[in-house]
Amino acid sequence: MSQVIMMFLFPIGLYFYFFVERRDRLKYQKVFDDFGTKIETDNILSDTEKKEQYIQMLKQNGYKITQSTSTQVRGEKKILSMSLLAMSIGAYYVGVFVYLGYYFWVQKPHVVQYRV
């Protein structure tokens, strides 16, 4: 029974990676871009208040603030791809260790950077 499940996990993971996750990645980035333009065009807030808004947005979304100066805020976060994890399980469980090694040591974090 587990062999049958594993046979279907790889193609299901492929579908979700290419047709769902990659499309949603653009929507995810658009949320941060729209927030940045909304705060940037707000003339009521001072530069320090804008900076605090950016920091608060990044912290609420689980980003680690890696650089915070008076002119810019930068946050990083590694995003776990469930579709790639499903594909690696479909590769007879050996792929799980390969993917987790990639996730922890090789994968570059998603970076969001705002300039004040």
PDB file of N, CA and C in Angstrom:
ATOM      1  N   MET A   1       0.830  -1.199   0.000  1.00  0.00           N
ATOM      2  CA  MET A   1       0.000   0.000   0.000  1.00  0.00           C
ATOM      3  C   MET A   1       0.871   1.260   0.000  1.00  0.00           C
ATOM      4  N   SER A   2       1.934   1.264   0.796  1.00  0.00           N
ATOM      5  CA  SER A   2       2.774   2.450   0.840  1.00  0.00           C
ATOM      6  C   SER A   2       3.494   2.673  -0.489  1.00  0.00           C
ATOM      7  N   GLN A   3       3.768   1.596  -1.224  1.00  0.00           N
ATOM      8  CA  GLN A   3       4.397   1.730  -2.542  1.00  0.00           C
ATOM      9  C   GLN A   3       3.482   2.487  -3.496  1.00  0.00           C
ATOM     10  N   VAL A   4       2.197   2.224  -3.409  1.00  0.00           N
ATOM     11  CA  VAL A   4       1.231   2.902  -4.283  1.00  0.00           C
ATOM     12  C   VAL A   4       1.159   4.384  -3.937  1.00  0.00           C
ATOM     13  N   ILE A   5       1.149   4.681  -2.661  1.00  0.00           N
ATOM     14  CA  ILE A   5       1.110   6.078  -2.229  1.00  0.00           C
ATOM     15  C   ILE A   5       2.366   6.806  -2.690  1.00  0.00           C
ATOM     16  N   MET A   6       3.504   6.154  -2.539  1.00  0.00           N
ATOM     17  CA  MET A   6       4.760   6.780  -2.936  1.00  0.00           C
ATOM     18  C   MET A   6       4.834   6.993  -4.449  1.00  0.00           C
ATOM     19  N   MET A   7       4.191   6.112  -5.234  1.00  0.00           N
ATOM     20  CA  MET A   7       4.180   6.290  -6.687  1.00  0.00           C
ATOM     21  C   MET A   7       3.441   7.562  -7.073  1.00  0.00           C
ATOM     22  N   PHE A   8       2.406   7.892  -6.329  1.00  0.00           N
ATOM     23  CA  PHE A   8       1.606   9.066  -6.666  1.00  0.00           C
ATOM     24  C   PHE A   8       2.128  10.354  -6.037  1.00  0.00           C
ATOM     25  N   LEU A   9       2.935  10.261  -5.000  1.00  0.00           N
ATOM     26  CA  LEU A   9       3.443  11.471  -4.351  1.00  0.00           C
ATOM     27  C   LEU A   9       4.363  12.278  -5.260  1.00  0.00           C
ATOM     28  N   PHE A  10       5.197  11.619  -6.019  1.00  0.00           N
ATOM     29  CA  PHE A  10       6.117  12.341  -6.889  1.00  0.00           C
ATOM     30  C   PHE A  10       5.379  13.158  -7.953  1.00  0.00           C
ATOM     31  N   PRO A  11       4.445  12.567  -8.732  1.00  0.00           N
ATOM     32  CA  PRO A  11       3.741  13.396  -9.725  1.00  0.00           C
ATOM     33  C   PRO A  11       2.848  14.466  -9.097  1.00  0.00           C
ATOM     34  N   ILE A  12       2.264  14.171  -7.938  1.00  0.00           N
ATOM     35  CA  ILE A  12       1.447  15.183  -7.266  1.00  0.00           C
ATOM     36  C   ILE A  12       2.326  16.342  -6.822  1.00  0.00           C
ATOM     37  N   GLY A  13       3.509  16.036  -6.278  1.00  0.00           N
ATOM     38  CA  GLY A  13       4.460  17.070  -5.884  1.00  0.00           C
ATOM     39  C   GLY A  13       4.915  17.896  -7.073  1.00  0.00           C
ATOM     40  N   LEU A  14       5.158  17.248  -8.222  1.00  0.00           N
ATOM     41  CA  LEU A  14       5.526  17.983  -9.437  1.00  0.00           C
ATOM     42  C   LEU A  14       4.437  18.961  -9.854  1.00  0.00           C
ATOM     43  N   TYR A  15       3.192  18.486  -9.841  1.00  0.00           N
ATOM     44  CA  TYR A  15       2.074  19.355 -10.220  1.00  0.00           C
ATOM     45  C   TYR A  15       2.006  20.567  -9.298  1.00  0.00           C
ATOM     46  N   PHE A  16       2.037  20.325  -8.003  1.00  0.00           N
ATOM     47  CA  PHE A  16       1.907  21.440  -7.070  1.00  0.00           C
ATOM     48  C   PHE A  16       3.089  22.391  -7.159  1.00  0.00           C
ATOM     49  N   TYR A  17       4.288  21.891  -7.429  1.00  0.00           N
ATOM     50  CA  TYR A  17       5.442  22.779  -7.529  1.00  0.00           C
ATOM     51  C   TYR A  17       5.332  23.687  -8.749  1.00  0.00           C
ATOM     52  N   PHE A  18       5.028  23.122  -9.908  1.00  0.00           N
ATOM     53  CA  PHE A  18       5.038  23.918 -11.134  1.00  0.00           C
ATOM     54  C   PHE A  18       3.767  24.724 -11.359  1.00  0.00           C
ATOM     55  N   PHE A  19       2.618  24.250 -10.883  1.00  0.00           N
ATOM     56  CA  PHE A  19       1.376  24.952 -11.194  1.00  0.00           C
ATOM     57  C   PHE A  19       0.751  25.678 -10.018  1.00  0.00           C
ATOM     58  N   VAL A  20       1.134  25.383  -8.812  1.00  0.00           N
ATOM     59  CA  VAL A  20       0.528  26.045  -7.653  1.00  0.00           C
ATOM     60  C   VAL A  20       1.558  26.899  -6.922  1.00  0.00           C
ATOM     61  N   GLU A  21       2.657  26.269  -6.512  1.00  0.00           N
ATOM     62  CA  GLU A  21       3.627  26.968  -5.669  1.00  0.00           C
ATOM     63  C   GLU A  21       4.341  28.108  -6.390  1.00  0.00           C
ATOM     64  N   ARG A  22       4.704  27.911  -7.618  1.00  0.00           N
ATOM     65  CA  ARG A  22       5.414  28.968  -8.349  1.00  0.00           C
ATOM     66  C   ARG A  22       4.504  30.162  -8.615  1.00  0.00           C
ATOM     67  N   ARG A  23       3.215  29.908  -8.860  1.00  0.00           N
ATOM     68  CA  ARG A  23       2.255  30.992  -9.064  1.00  0.00           C
ATOM     69  C   ARG A  23       2.008  31.732  -7.747  1.00  0.00           C
ATOM     70  N   ASP A  24       1.889  30.985  -6.663  1.00  0.00           N
ATOM     71  CA  ASP A  24       1.648  31.603  -5.363  1.00  0.00           C
ATOM     72  C   ASP A  24       2.851  32.377  -4.850  1.00  0.00           C
ATOM     73  N   ARG A  25       4.044  32.009  -5.294  1.00  0.00           N
ATOM     74  CA  ARG A  25       5.254  32.734  -4.890  1.00  0.00           C
ATOM     75  C   ARG A  25       5.188  34.183  -5.371  1.00  0.00           C
ATOM     76  N   LEU A  26       4.657  34.398  -6.572  1.00  0.00           N
ATOM     77  CA  LEU A  26       4.513  35.764  -7.093  1.00  0.00           C
ATOM     78  C   LEU A  26       3.479  36.548  -6.289  1.00  0.00           C
ATOM     79  N   LYS A  27       2.384  35.887  -5.910  1.00  0.00           N
ATOM     80  CA  LYS A  27       1.369  36.546  -5.084  1.00  0.00           C
ATOM     81  C   LYS A  27       1.940  36.903  -3.714  1.00  0.00           C
ATOM     82  N   TYR A  28       2.755  36.009  -3.164  1.00  0.00           N
ATOM     83  CA  TYR A  28       3.375  36.222  -1.857  1.00  0.00           C
ATOM     84  C   TYR A  28       4.293  37.450  -1.894  1.00  0.00           C
ATOM     85  N   GLN A  29       5.097  37.563  -2.943  1.00  0.00           N
ATOM     86  CA  GLN A  29       5.993  38.711  -3.079  1.00  0.00           C
ATOM     87  C   GLN A  29       5.207  39.990  -3.316  1.00  0.00           C
ATOM     88  N   LYS A  30       4.076  39.890  -4.035  1.00  0.00           N
ATOM     89  CA  LYS A  30       3.264  41.070  -4.335  1.00  0.00           C
ATOM     90  C   LYS A  30       2.688  41.684  -3.061  1.00  0.00           C
ATOM     91  N   VAL A  31       2.381  40.870  -2.065  1.00  0.00           N
ATOM     92  CA  VAL A  31       1.878  41.390  -0.782  1.00  0.00           C
ATOM     93  C   VAL A  31       2.911  42.317  -0.150  1.00  0.00           C
ATOM     94  N   PHE A  32       4.176  41.903  -0.159  1.00  0.00           N
ATOM     95  CA  PHE A  32       5.234  42.732   0.419  1.00  0.00           C
ATOM     96  C   PHE A  32       5.480  43.980  -0.433  1.00  0.00           C
ATOM     97  N   ASP A  33       5.434  43.838  -1.748  1.00  0.00           N
ATOM     98  CA  ASP A  33       5.640  44.987  -2.627  1.00  0.00           C
ATOM     99  C   ASP A  33       4.529  46.018  -2.466  1.00  0.00           C
ATOM    100  N   ASP A  34       3.271  45.552  -2.389  1.00  0.00           N
ATOM    101  CA  ASP A  34       2.147  46.469  -2.208  1.00  0.00           C
ATOM    102  C   ASP A  34       2.225  47.184  -0.861  1.00  0.00           C
ATOM    103  N   PHE A  35       2.605  46.465   0.181  1.00  0.00           N
ATOM    104  CA  PHE A  35       2.760  47.090   1.491  1.00  0.00           C
ATOM    105  C   PHE A  35       3.848  48.154   1.450  1.00  0.00           C
ATOM    106  N   GLY A  36       4.958  47.841   0.777  1.00  0.00           N
ATOM    107  CA  GLY A  36       6.060  48.797   0.674  1.00  0.00           C
ATOM    108  C   GLY A  36       5.654  50.067  -0.053  1.00  0.00           C
ATOM    109  N   THR A  37       4.918  49.940  -1.152  1.00  0.00           N
ATOM    110  CA  THR A  37       4.491  51.141  -1.881  1.00  0.00           C
ATOM    111  C   THR A  37       3.442  51.921  -1.090  1.00  0.00           C
ATOM    112  N   LYS A  38       2.592  51.211  -0.347  1.00  0.00           N
ATOM    113  CA  LYS A  38       1.581  51.900   0.467  1.00  0.00           C
ATOM    114  C   LYS A  38       2.249  52.736   1.555  1.00  0.00           C
ATOM    115  N   ILE A  39       3.228  52.161   2.238  1.00  0.00           N
ATOM    116  CA  ILE A  39       3.924  52.886   3.304  1.00  0.00           C
ATOM    117  C   ILE A  39       4.796  53.992   2.708  1.00  0.00           C
ATOM    118  N   GLU A  40       5.428  53.708   1.583  1.00  0.00           N
ATOM    119  CA  GLU A  40       6.323  54.696   0.953  1.00  0.00           C
ATOM    120  C   GLU A  40       5.573  55.945   0.498  1.00  0.00           C
ATOM    121  N   THR A  41       4.355  55.766   0.014  1.00  0.00           N
ATOM    122  CA  THR A  41       3.587  56.912  -0.484  1.00  0.00           C
ATOM    123  C   THR A  41       2.818  57.634   0.621  1.00  0.00           C
ATOM    124  N   ASP A  42       2.799  57.078   1.825  1.00  0.00           N
ATOM    125  CA  ASP A  42       2.105  57.714   2.937  1.00  0.00           C
ATOM    126  C   ASP A  42       2.933  58.897   3.431  1.00  0.00           C
ATOM    127  N   ASN A  43       2.410  60.108   3.258  1.00  0.00           N
ATOM    128  CA  ASN A  43       3.142  61.325   3.628  1.00  0.00           C
ATOM    129  C   ASN A  43       2.956  61.709   5.093  1.00  0.00           C
ATOM    130  N   ILE A  44       2.019  61.066   5.770  1.00  0.00           N
ATOM    131  CA  ILE A  44       1.743  61.405   7.165  1.00  0.00           C
ATOM    132  C   ILE A  44       2.807  60.821   8.093  1.00  0.00           C
ATOM    133  N   LEU A  45       3.306  59.639   7.766  1.00  0.00           N
ATOM    134  CA  LEU A  45       4.280  58.970   8.634  1.00  0.00           C
ATOM    135  C   LEU A  45       5.674  59.557   8.474  1.00  0.00           C
ATOM    136  N   SER A  46       6.403  59.621   9.576  1.00  0.00           N
ATOM    137  CA  SER A  46       7.803  60.043   9.514  1.00  0.00           C
ATOM    138  C   SER A  46       8.663  58.836   9.109  1.00  0.00           C
ATOM    139  N   ASP A  47       9.941  59.084   8.873  1.00  0.00           N
ATOM    140  CA  ASP A  47      10.831  58.006   8.456  1.00  0.00           C
ATOM    141  C   ASP A  47      10.968  56.930   9.535  1.00  0.00           C
ATOM    142  N   THR A  48      11.015  57.329  10.793  1.00  0.00           N
ATOM    143  CA  THR A  48      11.136  56.337  11.863  1.00  0.00           C
ATOM    144  C   THR A  48       9.859  55.509  11.997  1.00  0.00           C
ATOM    145  N   GLU A  49       8.699  56.144  11.802  1.00  0.00           N
ATOM    146  CA  GLU A  49       7.437  55.405  11.853  1.00  0.00           C
ATOM    147  C   GLU A  49       7.335  54.434  10.674  1.00  0.00           C
ATOM    148  N   LYS A  50       7.816  54.850   9.507  1.00  0.00           N
ATOM    149  CA  LYS A  50       7.824  53.949   8.348  1.00  0.00           C
ATOM    150  C   LYS A  50       8.722  52.749   8.619  1.00  0.00           C
ATOM    151  N   LYS A  51       9.872  53.016   9.206  1.00  0.00           N
ATOM    152  CA  LYS A  51      10.810  51.947   9.522  1.00  0.00           C
ATOM    153  C   LYS A  51      10.188  50.964  10.509  1.00  0.00           C
ATOM    154  N   GLU A  52       9.489  51.480  11.522  1.00  0.00           N
ATOM    155  CA  GLU A  52       8.822  50.616  12.495  1.00  0.00           C
ATOM    156  C   GLU A  52       7.714  49.794  11.837  1.00  0.00           C
ATOM    157  N   GLN A  53       7.001  50.375  10.894  1.00  0.00           N
ATOM    158  CA  GLN A  53       5.956  49.635  10.158  1.00  0.00           C
ATOM    159  C   GLN A  53       6.568  48.483   9.367  1.00  0.00           C
ATOM    160  N   TYR A  54       7.694  48.747   8.705  1.00  0.00           N
ATOM    161  CA  TYR A  54       8.382  47.704   7.942  1.00  0.00           C
ATOM    162  C   TYR A  54       8.853  46.577   8.861  1.00  0.00           C
ATOM    163  N   ILE A  55       9.446  46.932   9.994  1.00  0.00           N
ATOM    164  CA  ILE A  55       9.932  45.924  10.934  1.00  0.00           C
ATOM    165  C   ILE A  55       8.779  45.097  11.478  1.00  0.00           C
ATOM    166  N   GLN A  56       7.686  45.755  11.797  1.00  0.00           N
ATOM    167  CA  GLN A  56       6.521  45.049  12.323  1.00  0.00           C
ATOM    168  C   GLN A  56       5.949  44.088  11.278  1.00  0.00           C
ATOM    169  N   MET A  57       5.879  44.508  10.016  1.00  0.00           N
ATOM    170  CA  MET A  57       5.375  43.646   8.939  1.00  0.00           C
ATOM    171  C   MET A  57       6.255  42.408   8.787  1.00  0.00           C
ATOM    172  N   LEU A  58       7.555  42.597   8.807  1.00  0.00           N
ATOM    173  CA  LEU A  58       8.466  41.467   8.640  1.00  0.00           C
ATOM    174  C   LEU A  58       8.388  40.506   9.827  1.00  0.00           C
ATOM    175  N   LYS A  59       8.319  41.036  11.032  1.00  0.00           N
ATOM    176  CA  LYS A  59       8.252  40.178  12.214  1.00  0.00           C
ATOM    177  C   LYS A  59       6.942  39.402  12.272  1.00  0.00           C
ATOM    178  N   GLN A  60       5.836  40.014  11.858  1.00  0.00           N
ATOM    179  CA  GLN A  60       4.556  39.325  11.858  1.00  0.00           C
ATOM    180  C   GLN A  60       4.536  38.166  10.869  1.00  0.00           C
ATOM    181  N   ASN A  61       5.329  38.243   9.836  1.00  0.00           N
ATOM    182  CA  ASN A  61       5.388  37.177   8.838  1.00  0.00           C
ATOM    183  C   ASN A  61       6.524  36.206   9.075  1.00  0.00           C
ATOM    184  N   GLY A  62       7.186  36.291  10.213  1.00  0.00           N
ATOM    185  CA  GLY A  62       8.194  35.317  10.593  1.00  0.00           C
ATOM    186  C   GLY A  62       9.579  35.565  10.028  1.00  0.00           C
ATOM    187  N   TYR A  63       9.842  36.758   9.559  1.00  0.00           N
ATOM    188  CA  TYR A  63      11.160  37.082   9.007  1.00  0.00           C
ATOM    189  C   TYR A  63      12.099  37.491  10.126  1.00  0.00           C
ATOM    190  N   LYS A  64      13.366  37.158   9.948  1.00  0.00           N
ATOM    191  CA  LYS A  64      14.399  37.571  10.891  1.00  0.00           C
ATOM    192  C   LYS A  64      15.024  38.841  10.331  1.00  0.00           C
ATOM    193  N   ILE A  65      15.049  39.899  11.128  1.00  0.00           N
ATOM    194  CA  ILE A  65      15.620  41.168  10.698  1.00  0.00           C
ATOM    195  C   ILE A  65      17.136  41.012  10.702  1.00  0.00           C
ATOM    196  N   THR A  66      17.746  41.103   9.518  1.00  0.00           N
ATOM    197  CA  THR A  66      19.191  40.914   9.421  1.00  0.00           C
ATOM    198  C   THR A  66      19.937  42.233   9.327  1.00  0.00           C
ATOM    199  N   GLN A  67      19.261  43.273   8.863  1.00  0.00           N
ATOM    200  CA  GLN A  67      19.920  44.569   8.746  1.00  0.00           C
ATOM    201  C   GLN A  67      18.879  45.660   8.950  1.00  0.00           C
ATOM    202  N   SER A  68      19.169  46.576   9.840  1.00  0.00           N
ATOM    203  CA  SER A  68      18.258  47.675  10.108  1.00  0.00           C
ATOM    204  C   SER A  68      19.080  48.932  10.327  1.00  0.00           C
ATOM    205  N   THR A  69      19.072  49.798   9.323  1.00  0.00           N
ATOM    206  CA  THR A  69      19.760  51.071   9.436  1.00  0.00           C
ATOM    207  C   THR A  69      18.717  52.174   9.377  1.00  0.00           C
ATOM    208  N   SER A  70      19.172  53.407   9.364  1.00  0.00           N
ATOM    209  CA  SER A  70      18.228  54.518   9.312  1.00  0.00           C
ATOM    210  C   SER A  70      17.588  54.652   7.936  1.00  0.00           C
ATOM    211  N   THR A  71      18.159  54.019   6.926  1.00  0.00           N
ATOM    212  CA  THR A  71      17.626  54.156   5.572  1.00  0.00           C
ATOM    213  C   THR A  71      17.028  52.881   4.994  1.00  0.00           C
ATOM    214  N   GLN A  72      17.281  51.722   5.607  1.00  0.00           N
ATOM    215  CA  GLN A  72      16.709  50.496   5.054  1.00  0.00           C
ATOM    216  C   GLN A  72      16.496  49.436   6.121  1.00  0.00           C
ATOM    217  N   VAL A  73      15.557  48.523   5.820  1.00  0.00           N
ATOM    218  CA  VAL A  73      15.254  47.384   6.679  1.00  0.00           C
ATOM    219  C   VAL A  73      15.297  46.142   5.799  1.00  0.00           C
ATOM    220  N   ARG A  74      15.991  45.107   6.272  1.00  0.00           N
ATOM    221  CA  ARG A  74      16.131  43.879   5.495  1.00  0.00           C
ATOM    222  C   ARG A  74      15.788  42.685   6.378  1.00  0.00           C
ATOM    223  N   GLY A  75      14.919  41.801   5.861  1.00  0.00           N
ATOM    224  CA  GLY A  75      14.537  40.603   6.580  1.00  0.00           C
ATOM    225  C   GLY A  75      14.713  39.378   5.715  1.00  0.00           C
ATOM    226  N   GLU A  76      15.015  38.236   6.344  1.00  0.00           N
ATOM    227  CA  GLU A  76      15.233  36.985   5.624  1.00  0.00           C
ATOM    228  C   GLU A  76      14.444  35.862   6.283  1.00  0.00           C
ATOM    229  N   LYS A  77      14.003  34.923   5.444  1.00  0.00           N
ATOM    230  CA  LYS A  77      13.262  33.767   5.944  1.00  0.00           C
ATOM    231  C   LYS A  77      13.415  32.624   4.946  1.00  0.00           C
ATOM    232  N   LYS A  78      13.701  31.437   5.442  1.00  0.00           N
ATOM    233  CA  LYS A  78      13.734  30.253   4.588  1.00  0.00           C
ATOM    234  C   LYS A  78      12.319  29.700   4.500  1.00  0.00           C
ATOM    235  N   ILE A  79      11.898  29.394   3.290  1.00  0.00           N
ATOM    236  CA  ILE A  79      10.544  28.908   3.064  1.00  0.00           C
ATOM    237  C   ILE A  79      10.610  27.433   2.697  1.00  0.00           C
ATOM    238  N   LEU A  80       9.928  26.602   3.482  1.00  0.00           N
ATOM    239  CA  LEU A  80       9.901  25.165   3.246  1.00  0.00           C
ATOM    240  C   LEU A  80       8.904  24.862   2.135  1.00  0.00           C
ATOM    241  N   SER A  81       9.350  24.195   1.105  1.00  0.00           N
ATOM    242  CA  SER A  81       8.501  23.839  -0.026  1.00  0.00           C
ATOM    243  C   SER A  81       7.887  22.473   0.218  1.00  0.00           C
ATOM    244  N   MET A  82       6.595  22.453   0.463  1.00  0.00           N
ATOM    245  CA  MET A  82       5.927  21.185   0.737  1.00  0.00           C
ATOM    246  C   MET A  82       5.841  20.316  -0.512  1.00  0.00           C
ATOM    247  N   SER A  83       5.767  20.911  -1.681  1.00  0.00           N
ATOM    248  CA  SER A  83       5.700  20.104  -2.899  1.00  0.00           C
ATOM    249  C   SER A  83       7.043  19.419  -3.161  1.00  0.00           C
ATOM    250  N   LEU A  84       8.142  20.103  -2.922  1.00  0.00           N
ATOM    251  CA  LEU A  84       9.450  19.449  -3.066  1.00  0.00           C
ATOM    252  C   LEU A  84       9.642  18.367  -2.007  1.00  0.00           C
ATOM    253  N   LEU A  85       9.105  18.579  -0.824  1.00  0.00           N
ATOM    254  CA  LEU A  85       9.170  17.559   0.210  1.00  0.00           C
ATOM    255  C   LEU A  85       8.350  16.334  -0.191  1.00  0.00           C
ATOM    256  N   ALA A  86       7.177  16.546  -0.784  1.00  0.00           N
ATOM    257  CA  ALA A  86       6.363  15.420  -1.258  1.00  0.00           C
ATOM    258  C   ALA A  86       7.075  14.667  -2.368  1.00  0.00           C
ATOM    259  N   MET A  87       7.737  15.392  -3.270  1.00  0.00           N
ATOM    260  CA  MET A  87       8.491  14.715  -4.332  1.00  0.00           C
ATOM    261  C   MET A  87       9.633  13.897  -3.743  1.00  0.00           C
ATOM    262  N   SER A  88      10.273  14.421  -2.714  1.00  0.00           N
ATOM    263  CA  SER A  88      11.387  13.681  -2.126  1.00  0.00           C
ATOM    264  C   SER A  88      10.891  12.446  -1.370  1.00  0.00           C
ATOM    265  N   ILE A  89       9.717  12.503  -0.769  1.00  0.00           N
ATOM    266  CA  ILE A  89       9.140  11.311  -0.141  1.00  0.00           C
ATOM    267  C   ILE A  89       8.804  10.285  -1.218  1.00  0.00           C
ATOM    268  N   GLY A  90       8.334  10.773  -2.363  1.00  0.00           N
ATOM    269  CA  GLY A  90       8.036   9.878  -3.477  1.00  0.00           C
ATOM    270  C   GLY A  90       9.273   9.211  -4.045  1.00  0.00           C
ATOM    271  N   ALA A  91      10.448   9.706  -3.717  1.00  0.00           N
ATOM    272  CA  ALA A  91      11.703   9.101  -4.169  1.00  0.00           C
ATOM    273  C   ALA A  91      12.229   8.142  -3.096  1.00  0.00           C
ATOM    274  N   TYR A  92      11.334   7.362  -2.516  1.00  0.00           N
ATOM    275  CA  TYR A  92      11.670   6.307  -1.562  1.00  0.00           C
ATOM    276  C   TYR A  92      12.409   6.801  -0.331  1.00  0.00           C
ATOM    277  N   TYR A  93      11.939   7.869   0.236  1.00  0.00           N
ATOM    278  CA  TYR A  93      12.379   8.413   1.522  1.00  0.00           C
ATOM    279  C   TYR A  93      13.830   8.876   1.566  1.00  0.00           C
ATOM    280  N   VAL A  94      14.659   8.438   0.663  1.00  0.00           N
ATOM    281  CA  VAL A  94      16.045   8.908   0.639  1.00  0.00           C
ATOM    282  C   VAL A  94      16.072  10.383   0.259  1.00  0.00           C
ATOM    283  N   GLY A  95      15.153  10.763  -0.598  1.00  0.00           N
ATOM    284  CA  GLY A  95      15.071  12.148  -1.039  1.00  0.00           C
ATOM    285  C   GLY A  95      14.739  13.114   0.081  1.00  0.00           C
ATOM    286  N   VAL A  96      14.081  12.631   1.131  1.00  0.00           N
ATOM    287  CA  VAL A  96      13.748  13.501   2.263  1.00  0.00           C
ATOM    288  C   VAL A  96      15.022  14.035   2.908  1.00  0.00           C
ATOM    289  N   PHE A  97      15.991  13.160   3.098  1.00  0.00           N
ATOM    290  CA  PHE A  97      17.243  13.595   3.711  1.00  0.00           C
ATOM    291  C   PHE A  97      18.003  14.545   2.787  1.00  0.00           C
ATOM    292  N   VAL A  98      17.931  14.287   1.503  1.00  0.00           N
ATOM    293  CA  VAL A  98      18.585  15.175   0.539  1.00  0.00           C
ATOM    294  C   VAL A  98      17.913  16.544   0.555  1.00  0.00           C
ATOM    295  N   TYR A  99      16.572  16.558   0.532  1.00  0.00           N
ATOM    296  CA  TYR A  99      15.867  17.844   0.532  1.00  0.00           C
ATOM    297  C   TYR A  99      16.081  18.601   1.837  1.00  0.00           C
ATOM    298  N   LEU A 100      16.009  17.914   2.967  1.00  0.00           N
ATOM    299  CA  LEU A 100      16.215  18.608   4.243  1.00  0.00           C
ATOM    300  C   LEU A 100      17.638  19.132   4.367  1.00  0.00           C
ATOM    301  N   GLY A 101      18.605  18.396   3.846  1.00  0.00           N
ATOM    302  CA  GLY A 101      19.981  18.911   3.812  1.00  0.00           C
ATOM    303  C   GLY A 101      20.077  20.155   2.953  1.00  0.00           C
ATOM    304  N   TYR A 102      19.387  20.133   1.809  1.00  0.00           N
ATOM    305  CA  TYR A 102      19.349  21.310   0.932  1.00  0.00           C
ATOM    306  C   TYR A 102      18.688  22.483   1.656  1.00  0.00           C
ATOM    307  N   TYR A 103      17.574  22.219   2.339  1.00  0.00           N
ATOM    308  CA  TYR A 103      16.828  23.277   3.023  1.00  0.00           C
ATOM    309  C   TYR A 103      17.665  23.932   4.120  1.00  0.00           C
ATOM    310  N   PHE A 104      18.354  23.138   4.919  1.00  0.00           N
ATOM    311  CA  PHE A 104      19.087  23.690   6.054  1.00  0.00           C
ATOM    312  C   PHE A 104      20.443  24.295   5.685  1.00  0.00           C
ATOM    313  N   TRP A 105      21.130  23.738   4.669  1.00  0.00           N
ATOM    314  CA  TRP A 105      22.499  24.182   4.421  1.00  0.00           C
ATOM    315  C   TRP A 105      22.719  24.889   3.097  1.00  0.00           C
ATOM    316  N   VAL A 106      21.898  24.652   2.089  1.00  0.00           N
ATOM    317  CA  VAL A 106      22.180  25.205   0.766  1.00  0.00           C
ATOM    318  C   VAL A 106      21.182  26.287   0.357  1.00  0.00           C
ATOM    319  N   GLN A 107      19.909  26.098   0.686  1.00  0.00           N
ATOM    320  CA  GLN A 107      18.870  27.011   0.225  1.00  0.00           C
ATOM    321  C   GLN A 107      19.113  28.423   0.725  1.00  0.00           C
ATOM    322  N   LYS A 108      18.994  29.369  -0.184  1.00  0.00           N
ATOM    323  CA  LYS A 108      19.128  30.776   0.182  1.00  0.00           C
ATOM    324  C   LYS A 108      17.777  31.270   0.696  1.00  0.00           C
ATOM    325  N   PRO A 109      17.785  32.101   1.724  1.00  0.00           N
ATOM    326  CA  PRO A 109      16.516  32.587   2.273  1.00  0.00           C
ATOM    327  C   PRO A 109      15.853  33.605   1.355  1.00  0.00           C
ATOM    328  N   HIS A 110      14.536  33.704   1.499  1.00  0.00           N
ATOM    329  CA  HIS A 110      13.770  34.723   0.794  1.00  0.00           C
ATOM    330  C   HIS A 110      14.063  36.061   1.461  1.00  0.00           C
ATOM    331  N   VAL A 111      14.448  37.051   0.686  1.00  0.00           N
ATOM    332  CA  VAL A 111      14.870  38.337   1.229  1.00  0.00           C
ATOM    333  C   VAL A 111      13.843  39.407   0.869  1.00  0.00           C
ATOM    334  N   VAL A 112      13.432  40.165   1.855  1.00  0.00           N
ATOM    335  CA  VAL A 112      12.580  41.334   1.651  1.00  0.00           C
ATOM    336  C   VAL A 112      13.348  42.536   2.170  1.00  0.00           C
ATOM    337  N   GLN A 113      13.473  43.560   1.329  1.00  0.00           N
ATOM    338  CA  GLN A 113      14.263  44.738   1.696  1.00  0.00           C
ATOM    339  C   GLN A 113      13.444  45.984   1.389  1.00  0.00           C
ATOM    340  N   TYR A 114      13.344  46.852   2.368  1.00  0.00           N
ATOM    341  CA  TYR A 114      12.641  48.133   2.225  1.00  0.00           C
ATOM    342  C   TYR A 114      13.607  49.271   2.422  1.00  0.00           C
ATOM    343  N   ARG A 115      13.460  50.303   1.629  1.00  0.00           N
ATOM    344  CA  ARG A 115      14.258  51.524   1.793  1.00  0.00           C
ATOM    345  C   ARG A 115      13.340  52.644   2.263  1.00  0.00           C
ATOM    346  N   VAL A 116      13.803  53.381   3.262  1.00  0.00           N
ATOM    347  CA  VAL A 116      13.011  54.471   3.834  1.00  0.00           C
ATOM    348  C   VAL A 116      13.320  55.752   3.095  1.00  0.00           C
TER     349      VAL A 116
END
